[in-house]
Amino acid sequence: MYLADAAWPEAGEQLDDESLAIVPVGSTEQHGPHLPLATDHIIAQGLAREAASRADVVCTPTVKIGVSPHHQQFPGTLSVDPPAFRDYMESLVESLAYQGLNRVVFVNAHGGNVDHLREVGRRVREDRTAYAIEWMWDESIPDLVDDLFDHNGPHGGPKETAMVMHLAERLVHEDRLAEARDGGVLDFDPHTTGRQFGARTFYDAIDNSDNGVFGDQTDATPEKGEELFEAATEQLVRLCEWLDDQPFESLMPKDRVDVDNRDR
């Protein structure tokens, strides 16, 4: 169920039967000259809504602005300070828990949100409010992504381009795919790009790429996007089903180790 579409009596009936909520989280930031600023939240929302329908769980409205200071040089990018983002997301989880939804999956499509969402998950788990975990779509299907594209790119590359082609093709500037490839960085190596003697020397996307993107965007097609979407949705549904089956207490922090009673 998409929560925002329901009137409160219908919402109440559904919430009485549920303990899990999916929260799509993205960003509003540059994704090169060919993709919309909405790329991340389009992907997060598409996956979350579809998985919630298939798994018969609750999906909340999408959080559309995340932590994106590393893209700030490109016009249109919006960002919130990390502490504000963490506090907001923690408060949202607390509100969901009040409604009886004490298991939360953050369907995240923006790398800049990852560490902050994991910190929120730690906070709400430590005070036993809820169990919240971060899920990143491409990390759930790494082999497929590698098989489909020779030059993936961590940002604005063919995998995101293909996904948006599948979900919102009208927003993709397909006449700029070669421009995106040629004006960015074709080969991104996380171990060498932007590094000196083992140190990461860059802070912003523009430090490595003049147009802010990486990979070969011309390798993207709507058909590849649909294949990625279906595979990632399947993984998300399985995660929700697994999490929904777990006893709440088993998800909470373990007790402090009793030194006197430890196995010898």
Protein backbone atom coordinates (compact mmCIF):
# COMPACT_ATOMS: atom_id res chain seq x y z
CA MET A 1 0.00 0.00 0.00
CA TYR A 2 1.18 3.50 -0.84
CA LEU A 3 0.41 5.21 2.44
CA ALA A 4 -0.18 8.72 1.12
CA ASP A 5 -3.00 7.58 -1.17
CA ALA A 6 -5.06 6.08 1.67
CA ALA A 7 -7.61 7.84 3.85
CA TRP A 8 -6.96 7.32 7.54
CA PRO A 9 -9.62 4.60 8.12
CA GLU A 10 -8.14 2.47 5.33
CA ALA A 11 -4.61 3.30 6.49
CA GLY A 12 -5.55 2.15 9.98
CA GLU A 13 -6.82 -1.19 8.71
CA GLN A 14 -3.60 -1.82 6.81
CA LEU A 15 -1.35 -0.64 9.63
CA ASP A 16 -3.06 -2.99 12.08
CA ASP A 17 -1.81 -5.90 9.97
CA GLU A 18 1.69 -4.62 9.17
CA SER A 19 4.97 -4.10 10.99
CA LEU A 20 7.21 -3.14 8.04
CA ALA A 21 7.52 0.02 6.01
CA ILE A 22 9.53 0.82 2.90
CA VAL A 23 10.90 4.38 2.77
CA PRO A 24 12.27 5.47 -0.62
CA VAL A 25 15.18 7.90 -0.28
CA GLY A 26 16.98 9.70 -3.07
CA SER A 27 18.41 13.07 -3.95
CA THR A 28 17.92 16.07 -6.20
CA GLU A 29 21.31 16.54 -7.81
CA GLN A 30 23.18 16.64 -11.08
CA HIS A 31 23.49 13.42 -13.06
CA GLY A 32 25.29 14.82 -16.06
CA PRO A 33 23.93 16.63 -19.12
CA HIS A 34 21.66 13.72 -20.07
CA LEU A 35 19.74 12.78 -16.92
CA PRO A 36 17.29 14.72 -14.73
CA LEU A 37 18.16 16.05 -11.29
CA ALA A 38 15.43 13.70 -10.06
CA THR A 39 17.34 10.56 -11.15
CA ASP A 40 17.95 9.10 -7.69
CA HIS A 41 14.50 9.66 -6.30
CA ILE A 42 12.86 8.42 -9.50
CA ILE A 43 14.75 5.13 -9.12
CA ALA A 44 14.16 4.83 -5.37
CA GLN A 45 10.46 5.57 -5.69
CA GLY A 46 9.96 3.20 -8.62
CA LEU A 47 11.60 0.29 -6.83
CA ALA A 48 9.93 0.98 -3.48
CA ARG A 49 6.41 1.32 -4.87
CA GLU A 50 6.72 -1.84 -6.97
CA ALA A 51 8.24 -3.93 -4.17
CA ALA A 52 5.64 -2.73 -1.67
CA SER A 53 2.88 -3.79 -4.04
CA ARG A 54 4.38 -7.24 -4.61
CA ALA A 55 5.22 -7.86 -0.96
CA ASP A 56 1.98 -6.28 0.32
CA VAL A 57 3.72 -3.89 2.71
CA VAL A 58 3.50 -0.16 3.36
CA CYS A 59 5.42 2.35 1.24
CA THR A 60 5.82 5.93 2.43
CA PRO A 61 6.21 9.06 0.31
CA THR A 62 9.68 9.59 -1.12
CA VAL A 63 12.40 11.65 0.57
CA LYS A 64 13.63 13.57 -2.46
CA ILE A 65 16.51 15.68 -1.13
CA GLY A 66 19.51 14.06 0.53
CA VAL A 67 23.14 14.77 1.37
CA SER A 68 24.70 16.03 -1.87
CA PRO A 69 27.36 18.69 -1.15
CA HIS A 70 29.80 16.86 -3.42
CA HIS A 71 27.66 17.84 -6.43
CA GLN A 72 27.03 21.44 -5.38
CA GLN A 73 29.04 23.05 -8.19
CA PHE A 74 26.47 21.92 -10.76
CA PRO A 75 23.35 24.10 -11.13
CA GLY A 76 20.16 22.73 -9.61
CA THR A 77 21.75 20.44 -7.05
CA LEU A 78 20.03 20.64 -3.67
CA SER A 79 21.44 19.32 -0.40
CA VAL A 80 20.77 19.29 3.32
CA ASP A 81 23.37 19.24 6.06
CA PRO A 82 24.14 15.71 7.30
CA PRO A 83 23.01 16.30 10.93
CA ALA A 84 19.69 17.72 9.72
CA PHE A 85 19.21 14.78 7.36
CA ARG A 86 19.97 12.24 10.08
CA ASP A 87 17.65 13.93 12.59
CA TYR A 88 14.87 14.12 10.01
CA MET A 89 15.16 10.46 9.06
CA GLU A 90 15.34 9.39 12.70
CA SER A 91 12.21 11.39 13.47
CA LEU A 92 10.46 9.79 10.49
CA VAL A 93 11.33 6.30 11.76
CA GLU A 94 10.02 7.23 15.21
CA SER A 95 6.75 8.35 13.63
CA LEU A 96 6.47 5.08 11.71
CA ALA A 97 7.15 3.11 14.89
CA TYR A 98 4.37 5.02 16.65
CA GLN A 99 2.06 3.77 13.88
CA GLY A 100 3.18 0.19 14.56
CA LEU A 101 5.77 -0.03 11.78
CA ASN A 102 8.90 -0.95 13.72
CA ARG A 103 10.79 -2.52 10.81
CA VAL A 104 11.99 -0.09 8.14
CA VAL A 105 13.81 -0.56 4.85
CA PHE A 106 15.38 2.60 3.44
CA VAL A 107 15.26 2.05 -0.32
CA ASN A 108 18.18 4.30 -1.10
CA ALA A 109 19.43 5.34 -4.53
CA HIS A 110 22.06 7.91 -3.55
CA GLY A 111 25.53 7.03 -2.33
CA GLY A 112 25.83 10.22 -0.28
CA ASN A 113 23.00 9.03 1.97
CA VAL A 114 24.45 5.62 2.84
CA ASP A 115 26.53 6.37 5.92
CA HIS A 116 23.88 8.67 7.36
CA LEU A 117 21.06 6.17 6.93
CA ARG A 118 23.17 3.49 8.59
CA GLU A 119 23.80 5.85 11.50
CA VAL A 120 20.06 6.45 11.81
CA GLY A 121 19.54 2.69 11.84
CA ARG A 122 22.06 2.33 14.64
CA ARG A 123 20.40 5.09 16.69
CA VAL A 124 16.85 3.70 16.51
CA ARG A 125 18.08 0.18 17.17
CA GLU A 126 20.07 1.19 20.23
CA ASP A 127 17.03 2.83 21.83
CA ARG A 128 14.85 -0.10 20.68
CA THR A 129 12.50 2.12 18.71
CA ALA A 130 12.78 0.17 15.49
CA TYR A 131 15.03 -1.87 13.25
CA ALA A 132 15.94 0.15 10.15
CA ILE A 133 18.35 -0.88 7.40
CA GLU A 134 19.68 0.79 4.28
CA TRP A 135 19.31 -1.00 0.92
CA MET A 136 21.05 0.17 -2.26
CA TRP A 137 19.60 -1.23 -5.46
CA ASP A 138 22.77 -1.76 -7.50
CA GLU A 139 24.54 -3.43 -4.58
CA SER A 140 21.80 -6.08 -4.54
CA ILE A 141 22.58 -7.18 -8.12
CA PRO A 142 26.32 -6.48 -8.66
CA ASP A 143 26.92 -9.40 -11.04
CA LEU A 144 24.10 -8.35 -13.36
CA VAL A 145 25.33 -4.76 -13.46
CA ASP A 146 28.82 -5.98 -14.34
CA ASP A 147 27.48 -8.30 -17.02
CA LEU A 148 25.35 -5.64 -18.72
CA PHE A 149 27.90 -2.83 -18.95
CA ASP A 150 31.60 -2.71 -19.78
CA HIS A 151 32.02 0.76 -18.23
CA ASN A 152 29.60 1.14 -15.32
CA GLY A 153 30.64 4.35 -13.64
CA PRO A 154 29.59 5.09 -10.05
CA HIS A 155 27.48 8.14 -10.92
CA GLY A 156 25.34 9.09 -13.91
CA GLY A 157 26.64 6.06 -15.79
CA PRO A 158 24.84 3.47 -17.91
CA LYS A 159 23.17 1.65 -15.02
CA GLU A 160 21.36 4.80 -13.79
CA THR A 161 20.75 5.93 -17.36
CA ALA A 162 19.13 2.60 -18.22
CA MET A 163 16.98 2.66 -15.09
CA VAL A 164 15.64 6.14 -15.87
CA MET A 165 15.08 5.11 -19.49
CA HIS A 166 12.86 2.35 -18.12
CA LEU A 167 11.05 4.44 -15.51
CA ALA A 168 10.86 7.90 -17.10
CA GLU A 169 12.33 7.80 -20.60
CA ARG A 170 10.88 11.20 -21.54
CA LEU A 171 13.29 12.83 -19.05
CA VAL A 172 16.42 11.33 -20.65
CA HIS A 173 18.24 13.49 -23.21
CA GLU A 174 19.21 10.61 -25.45
CA ASP A 175 20.87 12.98 -27.93
CA ARG A 176 23.42 13.83 -25.21
CA LEU A 177 24.59 10.33 -24.30
CA ALA A 178 27.81 10.58 -26.30
CA GLU A 179 28.40 14.07 -24.89
CA ALA A 180 28.00 12.70 -21.37
CA ARG A 181 30.49 9.91 -22.07
CA ASP A 182 33.06 12.09 -23.83
CA GLY A 183 32.86 14.95 -21.32
CA GLY A 184 33.09 12.73 -18.26
CA VAL A 185 35.34 9.87 -17.18
CA LEU A 186 34.92 6.61 -19.09
CA ASP A 187 36.93 4.39 -16.75
CA PHE A 188 36.55 4.94 -13.02
CA ASP A 189 38.77 2.81 -10.80
CA PRO A 190 37.90 3.23 -7.10
CA HIS A 191 41.43 2.23 -6.17
CA THR A 192 43.27 4.72 -8.40
CA THR A 193 40.98 7.49 -9.67
CA GLY A 194 41.48 10.62 -7.59
CA ARG A 195 44.01 8.97 -5.29
CA GLN A 196 47.65 9.61 -4.48
CA PHE A 197 49.77 7.13 -2.53
CA GLY A 198 46.67 5.55 -1.02
CA ALA A 199 44.98 8.83 -0.05
CA ARG A 200 41.68 9.99 -1.51
CA THR A 201 42.47 13.49 -2.80
CA PHE A 202 39.06 14.57 -4.10
CA TYR A 203 35.99 15.84 -2.30
CA ASP A 204 33.59 16.75 -5.10
CA ALA A 205 32.49 15.03 -8.29
CA ILE A 206 33.83 17.89 -10.36
CA ASP A 207 37.33 17.21 -9.03
CA ASN A 208 37.37 14.05 -11.14
CA SER A 209 34.86 14.72 -13.92
CA ASP A 210 34.19 18.00 -15.73
CA ASN A 211 30.54 17.10 -16.32
CA GLY A 212 30.07 15.13 -13.09
CA VAL A 213 29.50 11.66 -14.53
CA PHE A 214 31.39 8.45 -15.17
CA GLY A 215 31.10 5.46 -17.48
CA ASP A 216 29.72 4.89 -20.97
CA GLN A 217 26.19 6.25 -21.09
CA THR A 218 25.74 5.17 -24.72
CA ASP A 219 25.59 1.55 -23.53
CA ALA A 220 22.25 2.13 -21.77
CA THR A 221 18.90 0.97 -23.16
CA PRO A 222 15.37 0.80 -21.75
CA GLU A 223 15.50 -2.99 -22.06
CA LYS A 224 18.60 -3.17 -19.86
CA GLY A 225 16.88 -0.81 -17.43
CA GLU A 226 13.88 -3.11 -17.22
CA GLU A 227 16.15 -6.09 -16.56
CA LEU A 228 17.92 -4.20 -13.77
CA PHE A 229 14.61 -3.02 -12.32
CA GLU A 230 13.06 -6.49 -12.23
CA ALA A 231 16.14 -8.10 -10.70
CA ALA A 232 16.53 -5.42 -8.02
CA THR A 233 12.81 -5.46 -7.21
CA GLU A 234 12.98 -9.22 -6.68
CA GLN A 235 15.84 -8.76 -4.23
CA LEU A 236 13.95 -6.04 -2.36
CA VAL A 237 10.82 -8.16 -2.08
CA ARG A 238 12.87 -11.04 -0.68
CA LEU A 239 14.49 -8.69 1.84
CA CYS A 240 11.10 -7.43 2.98
CA GLU A 241 9.73 -10.95 3.34
CA TRP A 242 12.78 -12.00 5.35
CA LEU A 243 12.66 -8.97 7.62
CA ASP A 244 8.94 -9.28 8.19
CA ASP A 245 9.46 -12.85 9.44
CA GLN A 246 12.07 -11.95 12.05
CA PRO A 247 11.02 -11.71 15.72
CA PHE A 248 11.56 -8.12 16.78
CA GLU A 249 13.72 -9.10 19.75
CA SER A 250 16.12 -10.98 17.50
CA LEU A 251 16.78 -7.73 15.63
CA MET A 252 17.66 -5.74 18.72
CA PRO A 253 21.18 -5.23 20.17
CA LYS A 254 22.66 -8.18 21.99
CA ASP A 255 23.31 -8.00 25.74
CA ARG A 256 26.69 -7.04 27.12
CA VAL A 257 29.06 -10.00 27.32
CA ASP A 258 29.19 -11.49 30.82
CA VAL A 259 32.89 -12.16 31.37
CA ASP A 260 32.30 -14.46 34.33
CA ASN A 261 29.97 -16.73 32.38
CA ARG A 262 31.76 -16.83 29.05
CA ASP A 263 32.75 -20.18 27.60
CA ARG A 264 36.20 -21.28 28.69
